[in-house]
Protein backbone atom coordinates (compact mmCIF):
# COMPACT_ATOMS: atom_id res chain seq x y z
CA MET A 1 209.00 33.92 79.30
CA LYS A 2 209.40 31.66 82.45
CA ARG A 3 212.66 30.82 81.69
CA LEU A 4 213.46 34.78 81.70
CA LYS A 5 211.63 35.68 84.63
CA ASN A 6 213.50 32.87 86.59
CA PHE A 7 216.82 34.21 85.16
CA LEU A 8 216.21 37.72 86.08
CA LEU A 9 214.90 37.16 89.76
CA GLY A 10 217.74 34.90 90.26
CA MET A 11 219.80 37.81 89.94
CA GLN A 12 221.44 40.13 92.70
CA ALA A 13 219.61 43.11 93.14
CA ASN A 14 222.54 45.92 92.09
CA THR A 15 223.95 43.40 89.17
CA THR A 16 225.02 45.37 85.56
CA THR A 17 225.76 42.92 83.48
CA TYR A 18 222.85 40.33 83.39
CA ARG A 19 224.53 37.65 82.40
CA GLU A 20 222.54 35.07 82.86
CA MET A 21 219.69 36.64 80.24
CA TYR A 22 222.09 37.14 77.38
CA GLU A 23 223.36 33.39 77.73
CA GLY A 24 219.63 31.47 77.83
CA GLU A 25 220.84 28.46 79.30
CA ILE A 26 218.32 25.64 78.60
CA ILE A 27 218.50 22.19 79.87
CA ILE A 28 217.50 19.72 77.59
CA GLU A 29 216.41 16.71 79.24
CA GLN A 30 216.86 13.26 77.22
CA GLU A 31 213.81 10.90 76.21
CA SER A 32 215.84 8.45 78.16
CA SER A 33 216.45 8.61 81.98
CA ASN A 34 219.85 6.98 81.44
CA LEU A 35 221.09 9.95 79.28
CA GLU A 36 222.89 12.71 81.00
CA PRO A 37 220.87 16.26 80.14
CA VAL A 38 222.39 18.55 77.57
CA ILE A 39 223.40 21.94 78.01
CA ASP A 40 222.57 24.35 75.57
CA TYR A 41 222.33 28.35 75.07
CA GLU A 42 219.59 30.18 73.43
CA PRO A 43 218.66 33.65 73.97
CA ILE A 44 215.06 33.23 72.97
CA TYR A 45 211.93 33.71 75.50
CA TYR A 46 208.99 32.54 74.35
CA HIS A 47 205.32 34.23 74.86
CA GLU A 48 202.74 31.68 73.79
CA ASP A 49 203.87 31.39 69.48
CA ILE A 50 205.68 34.87 69.74
CA GLY A 51 209.74 34.95 70.09
CA PHE A 52 211.38 37.44 71.96
CA GLU A 53 215.33 37.14 71.15
CA ILE A 54 217.59 39.23 73.75
CA THR A 55 220.91 39.82 72.57
CA LEU A 56 223.51 42.48 73.91
CA THR A 57 223.68 46.26 72.16
CA HIS A 58 226.96 46.43 73.41
CA LYS A 59 229.68 46.01 75.99
CA LEU A 60 229.21 49.98 77.63
CA ALA A 61 224.96 48.73 77.49
CA GLN A 62 224.64 45.60 79.37
CA SER A 63 221.56 47.33 81.04
CA LYS A 64 219.79 48.10 77.26
CA PRO A 65 219.13 44.91 75.69
CA THR A 66 218.26 44.99 71.86
CA VAL A 67 215.56 42.71 71.68
CA LYS A 68 214.35 41.12 68.49
CA ILE A 69 210.22 40.21 68.77
CA MET A 70 209.25 37.36 66.36
CA ILE A 71 205.24 37.41 65.53
CA PRO A 72 204.17 35.29 63.21
CA ALA A 73 203.03 37.16 59.68
CA GLY A 74 200.02 34.85 60.08
CA LYS A 75 198.78 35.66 63.06
CA LEU A 76 198.47 39.47 61.81
CA GLY A 77 196.89 38.00 58.52
CA ILE A 78 199.99 38.96 56.43
CA THR A 79 200.75 37.26 53.55
CA ALA A 80 202.98 39.33 51.64
CA TYR A 81 206.29 40.33 53.03
CA THR A 82 207.50 43.43 51.74
CA PRO A 83 209.50 46.71 52.75
CA PHE A 84 206.56 48.86 52.88
CA ILE A 85 204.32 46.24 54.70
CA ALA A 86 207.36 46.17 57.30
CA ASP A 87 207.15 49.77 57.53
CA PHE A 88 203.23 50.13 58.33
CA CYS A 89 203.94 47.26 60.69
CA LEU A 90 206.33 49.16 62.66
CA ARG A 91 204.16 52.63 62.76
CA GLU A 92 201.29 50.62 63.73
CA PHE A 93 203.46 49.13 66.87
CA ILE A 94 204.70 52.59 67.58
CA PRO A 95 201.78 53.97 69.36
CA TYR A 96 201.50 50.74 71.89
CA ILE A 97 205.34 51.59 72.76
CA ASP A 98 204.64 55.04 73.07
CA GLY A 99 201.93 53.96 75.69
CA LEU A 100 204.56 52.01 77.82
CA ASN A 101 206.84 54.86 78.23
CA ARG A 102 204.30 57.60 79.50
CA GLU A 103 203.46 54.89 82.23
CA LEU A 104 207.12 54.79 83.21
CA TYR A 105 208.19 58.28 82.21
CA ASN A 106 208.96 60.45 85.55
CA ARG A 107 210.83 63.64 84.53
CA SER A 108 212.53 64.11 87.80
CA ARG A 109 214.14 60.66 86.99
CA PRO A 110 216.76 59.79 84.31
CA ASP A 111 215.99 56.34 81.95
CA ASN A 112 218.31 54.55 83.39
CA GLU A 113 216.05 54.79 86.73
CA ASN A 114 212.83 54.85 85.28
CA GLY A 115 213.35 52.44 82.56
CA LYS A 116 212.48 53.13 78.59
CA TYR A 117 211.43 51.36 75.81
CA LEU A 118 213.48 52.64 72.76
CA LEU A 119 212.09 52.06 68.99
CA ASP A 120 213.81 53.69 65.94
CA ARG A 121 212.36 56.70 65.21
CA ILE A 122 211.25 57.00 61.90
CA GLY A 123 210.28 59.61 59.31
CA SER A 124 207.90 59.52 56.55
CA GLU A 125 210.03 57.93 54.44
CA VAL A 126 209.81 53.66 53.16
CA LEU A 127 212.91 52.40 53.98
CA VAL A 128 214.10 49.28 54.62
CA ARG A 129 215.35 48.73 57.73
CA ASN A 130 216.65 46.51 60.53
CA SER A 131 213.93 47.38 63.05
CA SER A 132 211.00 45.93 60.97
CA TYR A 133 211.57 43.21 58.59
CA PHE A 134 209.87 39.61 57.42
CA ALA A 135 212.45 36.30 58.08
CA ILE A 136 211.67 32.78 58.33
CA CYS A 137 212.15 31.95 62.01
CA HIS A 138 212.55 28.91 63.69
CA GLN A 139 209.61 28.31 66.14
CA LYS A 140 209.17 27.43 69.96
CA TRP A 141 210.69 23.19 69.66
CA TYR A 142 210.70 22.51 73.18
CA GLU A 143 207.94 22.04 76.15
CA SER A 144 208.82 23.62 79.59
CA MET A 145 209.41 21.15 82.36
CA GLY A 146 210.13 24.00 84.82
CA ALA A 147 213.06 26.40 85.88
CA VAL A 148 215.48 26.39 82.87
CA LYS A 149 214.66 22.63 82.04
CA VAL A 150 213.14 21.63 78.81
CA ARG A 151 212.32 18.78 76.70
CA HIS A 152 212.05 18.49 72.63
CA LEU A 153 208.71 18.41 71.22
CA SER A 154 207.97 15.11 69.41
CA ALA A 155 208.54 15.03 65.50
CA ASP A 156 204.85 15.32 64.79
CA LEU A 157 204.28 18.36 67.73
CA ALA A 158 207.07 20.58 66.88
CA PRO A 159 206.23 23.53 64.76
CA LYS A 160 208.10 23.80 61.43
CA PRO A 161 209.91 27.50 61.25
CA GLU A 162 207.42 29.91 60.00
CA MET A 163 207.57 33.04 57.84
CA CYS A 164 207.72 36.02 61.06
CA LEU A 165 207.24 39.89 61.42
CA CYS A 166 210.59 40.69 62.91
CA ILE A 167 210.53 44.34 65.10
CA ARG A 168 213.57 44.97 66.86
CA LEU A 169 213.58 47.43 69.86
CA GLN A 170 215.98 48.14 72.95
CA VAL A 171 214.78 48.37 76.41
CA GLN A 172 216.61 50.54 78.74
CA LEU A 173 216.14 48.18 82.20
CA PRO A 174 215.77 50.50 85.51
CA GLU A 175 219.10 49.76 86.95
CA LYS A 176 219.42 47.86 90.32
CA LYS A 177 215.68 47.42 89.92
CA ILE A 178 215.37 43.62 88.78
CA ARG A 179 211.79 43.13 89.90
CA LYS A 180 211.09 46.27 87.84
CA ALA A 181 212.99 45.02 85.30
CA VAL A 182 210.85 41.41 85.17
CA GLN A 183 207.91 43.65 84.73
CA MET A 184 208.80 45.06 81.54
CA LEU A 185 210.65 42.24 79.69
CA CYS A 186 207.83 39.66 80.99
CA LYS A 187 204.40 41.49 81.22
CA GLU A 188 203.98 44.79 79.35
CA LEU A 189 206.35 43.99 76.49
CA PRO A 190 204.44 40.74 75.99
CA ASP A 191 201.23 42.85 76.65
CA ALA A 192 201.97 45.21 74.28
CA VAL A 193 202.74 42.55 71.27
CA ASP A 194 199.56 40.95 72.31
CA MET A 195 197.60 43.70 71.87
CA PHE A 196 199.33 45.07 68.66
CA SER A 197 198.05 41.76 67.65
CA ALA A 198 194.55 41.60 68.49
CA GLY A 199 194.05 44.99 67.03
CA PHE A 200 195.88 44.92 63.76
CA ASP A 201 194.01 46.64 61.23
CA THR A 202 194.14 44.32 58.05
CA SER A 203 191.83 46.75 56.20
CA LYS A 204 194.03 49.51 56.87
CA LEU A 205 197.05 47.37 56.02
CA ASN A 206 195.43 46.87 52.58
CA GLU A 207 194.97 50.46 51.65
CA ALA A 208 198.65 50.86 52.65
CA ILE A 209 199.33 47.84 50.39
CA GLU A 210 197.29 49.65 47.64
CA MET A 211 199.15 52.87 47.85
CA ALA A 212 202.55 50.62 47.93
CA GLU A 213 201.05 49.29 44.49
CA LYS A 214 200.19 52.89 43.09
CA GLN A 215 203.67 53.57 44.41
CA LYS A 216 205.59 51.10 42.13
CA ALA A 217 203.47 51.24 38.94
CA ILE A 218 204.21 54.96 38.65
CA ARG A 219 207.66 54.31 39.07
CA LYS A 220 207.73 51.60 36.39
CA TYR A 221 205.88 53.90 33.96
CA LEU A 222 208.54 56.97 34.73
CA LYS A 223 211.34 54.33 33.48
CA THR A 224 210.13 53.97 29.91
CA SER A 225 208.52 57.17 29.72
CA PRO A 226 209.53 60.75 28.38
CA TYR A 227 208.83 62.24 32.33
CA CYS A 228 211.64 61.88 35.00
CA ALA A 229 209.12 62.65 38.10
CA PHE A 230 205.38 62.88 38.85
CA ILE A 231 203.48 65.07 41.42
CA ALA A 232 199.94 64.06 41.59
CA ASN A 233 196.89 66.67 42.21
CA GLY A 234 195.63 66.75 45.32
CA SER A 235 199.22 66.19 46.93
CA ILE A 236 199.93 68.22 49.97
CA LEU A 237 203.61 69.75 49.62
CA PRO A 238 204.22 71.97 52.06
CA ARG A 239 206.13 70.86 56.11
CA LEU A 240 204.26 72.35 58.88
CA LYS A 241 207.31 74.33 60.47
CA ASN A 242 210.32 72.23 61.86
CA THR A 243 208.61 68.65 61.24
CA ASP A 244 208.38 66.59 58.02
CA LEU A 245 204.79 66.79 58.91
CA PRO A 246 202.35 68.24 55.96
CA MET A 247 200.88 71.48 56.68
CA PRO A 248 197.46 71.54 57.90
CA ASN A 249 194.84 73.59 55.48
CA ALA A 250 197.77 74.02 52.68
CA VAL A 251 196.92 74.92 49.31
CA PRO A 252 196.74 71.42 47.45
CA PHE A 253 199.05 70.89 44.47
CA ASN A 254 197.16 70.73 40.94
CA SER A 255 198.98 70.30 37.72
CA VAL A 256 199.20 73.12 34.91
CA PRO A 257 196.57 71.81 32.07
CA GLN A 258 199.42 71.71 29.78
CA ASP A 259 201.17 68.96 31.83
CA GLU A 260 198.55 67.18 33.19
CA ILE A 261 199.15 63.43 32.49
CA GLU A 262 197.35 60.24 33.81
CA VAL A 263 199.20 57.45 35.33
CA CYS A 264 197.47 54.14 36.74
CA GLY A 265 194.37 56.20 36.78
CA ILE A 266 196.03 59.38 39.22
CA LYS A 267 195.71 62.65 37.25
CA GLY A 268 198.96 65.15 38.14
CA MET A 269 201.94 66.56 36.78
CA GLY A 270 204.74 65.09 34.76
CA ILE A 271 208.01 66.80 34.92
CA ARG A 272 209.71 66.19 30.94
CA LYS A 273 212.98 64.99 31.05
CA GLY A 274 215.30 67.99 30.10
CA VAL A 275 215.86 70.86 31.46
CA THR A 276 213.08 72.40 33.81
CA VAL A 277 213.13 75.55 35.34
CA ILE A 278 211.02 76.48 38.50
CA THR A 279 210.98 80.08 39.50
CA GLY A 280 208.82 82.38 41.40
CA GLY A 281 209.13 85.12 44.13
CA GLY A 282 209.97 85.11 47.32
CA TYR A 283 208.19 82.49 49.99
CA SER A 284 205.90 81.12 46.59
CA GLY A 285 206.61 77.78 46.97
CA LYS A 286 209.01 77.43 44.84
CA SER A 287 211.70 75.66 46.95
CA THR A 288 208.73 73.71 48.77
CA LEU A 289 207.96 72.36 45.25
CA LEU A 290 212.02 71.17 45.14
CA ASP A 291 211.91 69.34 48.22
CA ALA A 292 209.06 67.55 47.17
CA ILE A 293 210.45 66.33 43.84
CA SER A 294 213.77 65.68 45.88
CA ALA A 295 211.25 63.46 48.40
CA GLY A 296 209.97 61.24 45.76
CA ILE A 297 213.70 59.21 45.46
CA TYR A 298 211.75 57.69 48.50
CA ASP A 299 208.06 56.27 48.72
CA HIS A 300 206.64 57.62 51.51
CA CYS A 301 203.85 56.59 54.35
CA LEU A 302 200.12 56.92 53.92
CA GLY A 303 199.35 60.20 55.65
CA ASP A 304 201.93 62.17 54.02
CA GLY A 305 200.31 64.26 51.39
CA ARG A 306 203.81 63.43 49.49
CA GLU A 307 202.32 59.64 48.50
CA LEU A 308 202.26 60.06 45.22
CA CYS A 309 205.12 62.60 44.48
CA ILE A 310 207.06 59.92 42.74
CA THR A 311 210.70 61.28 41.14
CA ASP A 312 213.64 58.96 39.42
CA GLU A 313 215.13 56.84 41.75
CA THR A 314 218.38 57.80 40.63
CA ALA A 315 218.29 61.54 41.20
CA MET A 316 220.84 63.63 43.39
CA THR A 317 220.50 66.47 44.83
CA VAL A 318 223.24 68.66 44.07
CA SER A 319 224.46 72.27 46.06
CA ALA A 320 227.61 73.82 46.88
CA GLU A 321 229.93 72.27 49.77
CA ASP A 322 232.81 74.51 50.33
CA GLY A 323 235.73 72.52 52.34
CA ARG A 324 234.88 69.45 50.66
CA SER A 325 237.56 67.16 50.15
CA VAL A 326 238.07 66.21 46.49
CA ARG A 327 240.22 63.01 45.42
CA ALA A 328 241.16 62.71 41.40
CA VAL A 329 238.03 63.62 40.20
CA ASN A 330 237.50 64.90 36.64
CA ILE A 331 235.98 68.47 37.03
CA SER A 332 237.17 69.46 33.50
CA PRO A 333 233.84 69.94 32.05
CA PHE A 334 233.33 72.86 34.71
CA ILE A 335 236.64 74.28 35.10
CA LYS A 336 239.32 74.34 32.11
CA TRP A 337 242.09 75.33 34.17
CA LEU A 338 243.45 76.12 37.38
CA PRO A 339 246.93 77.41 38.77
CA ASN A 340 249.32 74.37 39.43
CA GLY A 341 246.77 72.03 38.86
CA ASP A 342 245.09 69.51 36.01
CA THR A 343 241.32 69.75 36.28
CA LYS A 344 241.11 66.35 35.03
CA LYS A 345 242.34 65.07 38.23
CA PHE A 346 241.39 67.36 40.58
CA SER A 347 242.34 66.95 44.08
CA THR A 348 241.83 69.53 47.16
CA ASP A 349 241.06 69.23 51.13
CA HIS A 350 239.13 72.04 50.83
CA ALA A 351 237.48 72.89 47.64
CA SER A 352 235.60 75.86 46.77
CA GLY A 353 231.84 76.51 46.26
CA SER A 354 232.77 76.39 42.40
CA THR A 355 234.97 73.45 42.42
CA SER A 356 232.73 71.59 44.92
CA GLN A 357 229.89 71.78 43.04
CA ALA A 358 231.60 70.97 39.63
CA ALA A 359 232.61 67.98 41.59
CA ASN A 360 229.57 67.16 43.23
CA ILE A 361 228.07 66.93 39.33
CA THR A 362 230.75 64.98 37.79
CA GLU A 363 230.40 62.40 40.55
CA ALA A 364 226.54 62.26 40.53
CA VAL A 365 226.87 61.44 36.67
CA ASP A 366 229.63 59.30 37.19
CA CYS A 367 227.33 57.31 40.10
CA GLY A 368 224.51 57.11 37.18
CA ALA A 369 222.10 59.71 38.66
CA LYS A 370 220.13 60.84 35.82
CA LEU A 371 218.23 63.57 37.13
CA LEU A 372 220.15 66.50 39.21
CA LEU A 373 218.21 68.77 41.63
CA ILE A 374 219.52 72.15 42.13
CA ASP A 375 218.38 75.20 44.23
CA GLU A 376 220.02 78.38 43.70
CA ASP A 377 220.03 79.50 46.76
CA ARG A 378 222.46 76.60 47.69
CA SER A 379 224.74 77.00 44.77
CA ALA A 380 227.99 79.01 43.60
CA ALA A 381 226.86 81.92 41.71
CA ASN A 382 229.92 82.27 39.88
CA PHE A 383 229.65 78.44 38.91
CA MET A 384 225.83 78.63 38.29
CA ILE A 385 226.10 81.73 35.62
CA ARG A 386 228.19 84.13 34.05
CA ASP A 387 225.73 86.66 32.23
CA ARG A 388 226.54 88.44 28.54
CA VAL A 389 228.24 91.53 30.33
CA MET A 390 230.77 89.54 32.86
CA LYS A 391 231.68 87.23 29.45
CA GLU A 392 232.19 90.38 27.45
CA LEU A 393 234.23 91.83 30.37
CA ILE A 394 236.30 88.74 31.32
CA VAL A 395 238.28 87.03 28.75
CA LYS A 396 239.84 85.02 31.01
CA GLU A 397 237.72 82.72 32.72
CA PRO A 398 238.29 79.13 34.08
CA ILE A 399 234.95 78.47 34.67
CA THR A 400 232.39 77.27 32.21
CA PRO A 401 228.99 78.23 34.29
CA PHE A 402 226.45 75.53 34.27
CA THR A 403 224.08 77.10 32.36
CA ASP A 404 226.79 76.57 29.39
CA ARG A 405 226.92 72.74 30.03
CA VAL A 406 223.41 71.85 31.77
CA ASN A 407 221.85 71.13 27.90
CA GLU A 408 224.84 68.86 27.25
CA LEU A 409 224.01 67.24 30.28
CA TYR A 410 220.94 65.95 28.79
CA SER A 411 221.87 65.51 25.04
CA SER A 412 225.02 63.52 25.87
CA CYS A 413 224.92 61.97 29.10
CA GLY A 414 221.00 61.72 29.00
CA VAL A 415 221.20 63.55 32.34
CA SER A 416 217.93 66.05 33.12
CA THR A 417 218.12 69.13 35.50
CA VAL A 418 215.42 70.51 37.42
CA LEU A 419 216.36 73.94 38.67
CA VAL A 420 214.87 76.55 41.11
CA ILE A 421 215.61 80.30 40.33
CA GLY A 422 214.64 83.56 41.74
CA GLY A 423 217.38 85.89 41.01
CA SER A 424 218.85 85.34 37.67
CA GLY A 425 217.38 85.42 34.09
CA GLU A 426 220.01 83.87 32.31
CA PHE A 427 218.66 80.39 33.03
CA LEU A 428 215.84 80.61 31.20
CA SER A 429 216.99 80.87 27.83
CA VAL A 430 218.74 77.06 28.37
CA ALA A 431 215.04 75.71 30.20
CA ASP A 432 212.62 73.27 28.26
CA LYS A 433 209.97 74.37 30.39
CA ILE A 434 210.10 76.84 32.70
CA TYR A 435 207.15 76.97 35.77
CA MET A 436 206.10 80.22 38.04
CA MET A 437 205.26 79.70 41.79
CA GLU A 438 202.85 81.83 43.19
CA ASP A 439 201.16 81.40 46.15
CA TYR A 440 201.86 77.55 45.79
CA MET A 441 199.90 77.40 42.66
CA ILE A 442 202.12 76.29 39.65
CA ARG A 443 201.06 77.80 36.18
CA ASP A 444 203.31 77.48 32.63
CA VAL A 445 205.11 80.35 31.60
CA THR A 446 207.68 78.86 29.15
CA GLU A 447 206.01 80.94 26.25
CA LYS A 448 206.15 84.12 28.12
CA SER A 449 209.37 83.71 29.48
CA LYS A 450 210.86 82.85 25.72
CA ALA A 451 209.34 86.05 24.75
CA ILE A 452 211.13 88.33 27.27
CA CYS A 453 214.74 86.74 26.69
CA PHE A 454 214.00 87.68 23.19
CA ALA A 455 212.85 91.38 24.24
CA ASN A 456 215.80 91.56 26.28
CA GLY A 457 218.37 90.50 23.76
CA VAL A 458 219.20 87.42 26.05
CA LYS A 459 220.51 84.96 23.82
CA SER A 460 220.65 80.49 23.86
CA VAL A 461 224.23 79.78 24.95
CA PRO A 462 226.77 79.20 22.30
CA GLU A 463 227.74 75.80 21.51
CA GLN A 464 230.50 74.23 23.28
CA GLN A 465 233.12 71.92 22.62
CA PRO A 466 232.17 68.70 23.89
CA ALA A 467 233.24 67.72 27.61
CA ASP A 468 234.45 64.57 28.68
CA TRP A 469 232.17 63.49 31.71
CA GLU A 470 234.34 60.06 32.17
CA GLN A 471 235.93 59.67 35.44
CA LYS A 472 239.04 57.83 34.87
CA ARG A 473 240.29 57.13 38.35
CA THR A 474 241.41 54.07 40.81
CA LEU A 475 241.43 54.03 44.62
CA PHE A 476 244.09 52.51 45.99
CA ALA A 477 243.79 50.29 49.31
CA GLU A 478 246.60 52.38 51.29
CA HIS A 479 244.57 54.40 54.21
CA PHE A 480 241.59 52.89 53.07
CA THR A 481 240.61 51.01 56.49
CA SER A 482 239.20 51.55 59.73
CA TYR A 483 242.05 51.02 61.65
CA PRO A 484 243.84 53.62 62.85
CA GLU A 485 247.85 54.41 61.48
CA GLY A 486 249.25 52.50 64.07
CA CYS A 487 246.74 51.10 66.19
CA GLY A 488 245.30 47.19 66.15
CA THR A 489 241.68 48.27 67.24
CA GLU A 490 238.94 49.64 64.58
CA ARG A 491 237.27 53.01 65.23
CA LEU A 492 233.64 53.67 64.23
CA GLU A 493 231.69 56.47 65.19
CA VAL A 494 228.20 58.28 63.12
CA SER A 495 228.04 61.58 65.20
CA ASP A 496 224.29 63.62 65.68
CA MET A 497 226.30 66.60 63.47
CA GLY A 498 226.70 65.05 59.91
CA PHE A 499 230.12 63.15 60.78
CA ILE A 500 231.25 59.52 60.18
CA ILE A 501 234.61 58.93 61.98
CA ILE A 502 236.22 55.77 60.60
CA GLY A 503 239.92 54.63 61.26
CA ASP A 504 241.59 58.09 60.55
CA GLU A 505 238.99 59.85 58.74
CA THR A 506 236.39 62.08 59.78
CA ILE A 507 234.04 62.17 57.10
CA ASP A 508 231.91 65.40 56.77
CA ILE A 509 228.37 64.30 55.25
CA ARG A 510 226.32 67.02 55.91
CA GLY A 511 226.31 68.42 52.13
CA LEU A 512 224.80 64.83 51.07
CA LEU A 513 220.89 66.09 51.45
CA ASN A 514 219.35 62.51 50.51
CA ILE A 515 220.35 61.21 53.15
CA VAL A 516 217.32 61.48 55.22
CA SER A 517 217.74 59.70 58.38
CA LYS A 518 220.60 58.85 61.17
CA SER A 519 219.85 55.29 60.62
CA GLN A 520 220.76 55.48 57.01
CA LEU A 521 223.64 57.16 58.02
CA SER A 522 224.63 54.56 61.00
CA ALA A 523 224.07 51.90 57.96
CA ILE A 524 226.71 53.74 55.61
CA GLY A 525 229.20 53.99 58.24
CA TYR A 526 228.82 50.20 59.15
CA MET A 527 228.84 49.21 55.18
CA LEU A 528 231.78 51.59 54.37
CA ARG A 529 233.60 49.44 57.64
CA ARG A 530 232.75 46.42 55.99
CA ILE A 531 233.82 47.04 52.38
CA GLU A 532 237.65 48.50 53.75
CA LEU A 533 237.71 44.82 55.24
CA ASP A 534 236.49 43.23 52.34
CA LYS A 535 238.93 45.05 50.40
CA LYS A 536 241.88 42.38 48.59
CA GLY A 537 245.21 44.05 46.82
CA VAL A 538 246.74 46.95 46.32
CA THR A 539 243.87 48.67 44.30
CA VAL A 540 240.23 49.02 44.96
CA ASP A 541 237.21 48.25 42.67
CA ILE A 542 234.89 49.96 45.03
CA ASP A 543 232.17 49.57 42.33
CA VAL A 544 232.01 45.72 42.77
CA LEU A 545 232.55 45.90 46.43
CA ILE A 546 229.57 47.99 46.77
CA ASP A 547 227.58 45.79 44.50
CA GLU A 548 228.95 42.95 46.70
CA ILE A 549 227.57 44.25 50.12
CA TYR A 550 224.12 45.29 48.38
CA ARG A 551 223.59 41.53 47.33
CA ASP A 552 224.54 40.22 50.44
CA ILE A 553 222.27 42.18 52.38
CA GLU A 554 219.38 41.69 49.82
CA LYS A 555 219.84 38.27 50.61
CA ASN A 556 220.71 37.77 54.17
CA GLY A 557 218.94 41.24 55.48
CA LEU A 558 220.64 44.75 56.36
CA ASP A 559 221.97 43.17 59.73
CA THR A 560 224.56 41.25 58.43
CA VAL A 561 226.88 44.65 58.17
CA HIS A 562 226.33 45.33 61.97
CA SER A 563 228.93 44.94 64.86
CA SER A 564 228.31 45.09 68.25
CA PHE A 565 231.91 45.97 68.88
CA PHE A 566 231.32 49.66 68.56
CA THR A 567 229.69 51.76 71.39
CA THR A 568 228.91 54.94 69.51
CA THR A 569 226.89 54.06 66.83
CA GLU A 570 223.27 53.43 66.73
CA ARG A 571 221.86 49.97 66.44
CA PHE A 572 218.95 51.09 64.37
CA LEU A 573 220.22 50.58 60.76
CA ALA A 574 218.48 51.62 57.18
CA LEU A 575 219.42 51.36 53.93
CA PRO A 576 221.04 54.12 51.51
CA ARG A 577 221.36 54.44 48.41
CA LYS A 578 224.25 52.66 46.37
CA CYS A 579 225.00 56.53 45.17
CA GLU A 580 225.07 57.76 49.01
CA LEU A 581 227.36 55.19 50.22
CA LYS A 582 229.48 56.06 47.42
CA ALA A 583 229.76 59.95 47.40
CA VAL A 584 230.49 59.34 51.57
CA ILE A 585 233.46 57.48 49.88
CA ASN A 586 234.26 60.58 47.49
CA ARG A 587 234.52 63.10 50.67
CA MET A 588 237.22 60.73 52.68
CA ARG A 589 240.21 62.83 52.97
CA LYS A 590 242.71 60.20 53.66
CA THR A 591 242.53 57.50 50.81
CA VAL A 592 244.55 57.65 47.79
CA TRP A 593 243.33 57.73 44.33
CA LYS A 594 245.17 57.57 41.16
């Protein structure tokens, strides 16, 4: 830290580049006085055994460096290096940074005058992140000789590379206030890291590890069981208004007796594979239950209330998405014909509610989803159902409603469905299980519902001609690029409004409901750009390229896809699922599929 302090105090008070800090010049003195010193560059500054690597965020943010803090895992008593533990450490570190920011905050001045520490603002989901992870890091290999001069440690004293907890943040330095910048980087931040290390609660960590083991065991059980989701008794499903926090004094979830199972010593409700309907009156908790099932595709942190709501990891939430782009998608299972169009290779720049939902479902099946989560309120009514009266009245109807295919989806493709309904009883006749929510309490009404259907003449759906669910299309390299046409410079922007702008594309991803953080969206932008750069030849094997990029991330870390060239994309990244990345590609308007 003395070397960093020397650089900063040697700068002009009105500097805007901080060049010396980013370069990190080191003059290495040789053992023999006859040899000239060697000049090297290493922007890693040490506070005892903790390293602080300072890098340029991008060319337009020279006063907002990115700082990677490297804390030896042994210093914290950590012996396992999983994403869940890295996530726990980040959550434990956040209060220390919040404390520093409270001291800096002055509402009458902007952040670039006050200074500010910026961390990845995370939700309750446990994700692979570039803001907190474990990696082997080199330790301080020199002794300081004053200013920027150093000398190599002897072989017997030089520490070996060590597994470290790496926490990445950004520091908005107060412009034209060098001494305050020195205080922030060389004193306040190292002191906060020291307090974090000294106060690290290993008993709380062990509690989190125990929870992670339970989540892992339940996920393993689901893969070979007759169930697609599990909700532990006592889970708190409702959320506090406008937040992701559990609602205080909410009614805890309690399984219906018929479907209560015990997994790894935990009792709860198992949702069987097949077709499940959740119904109830307004404000009864049915959508809250579906949201909890949807949330269960990711693990959650302690205190979320849904830690033991575990769902098939391939599940996708599907809705109507008016206006989305569709390219050469086989929607024939649901749309038999269209005027001047072939539904086996359907394309449009502006899909309707029914055609968009048909495309969303067939694409989800193609991506390997084994569970579809659908809320009637977010669906196209004419796509989901057509009652017996309308079937009798309208003979020439191109749409095969979802109710007519939902059982086939499971019998032919192994794809289960959980449906939330409130306005139509047509779903009841096709469901294997029917649950009623009332005042956030659940009960099994399968037998009662079937009896009502029988009494009212609502019959099971007549057998359909088996559908062709296969997608037979190829992506061409033409227009699949991060370079706008006629431009030699790449373009990548990620908007807070739910758009990714890359090359000539503006991709609307607001309909992808399982993307849960801005960091995931930023990662998708960088991953898409990397795939476009890696493509070779006339056609693109998109599945192969996606698999390759995930293998690279697993081996070298999520930051391998990042580029500091782009100035409007956030520095913090979180790993999305493969199906989300592919779904974004499916929504591109300029691409050529055949």
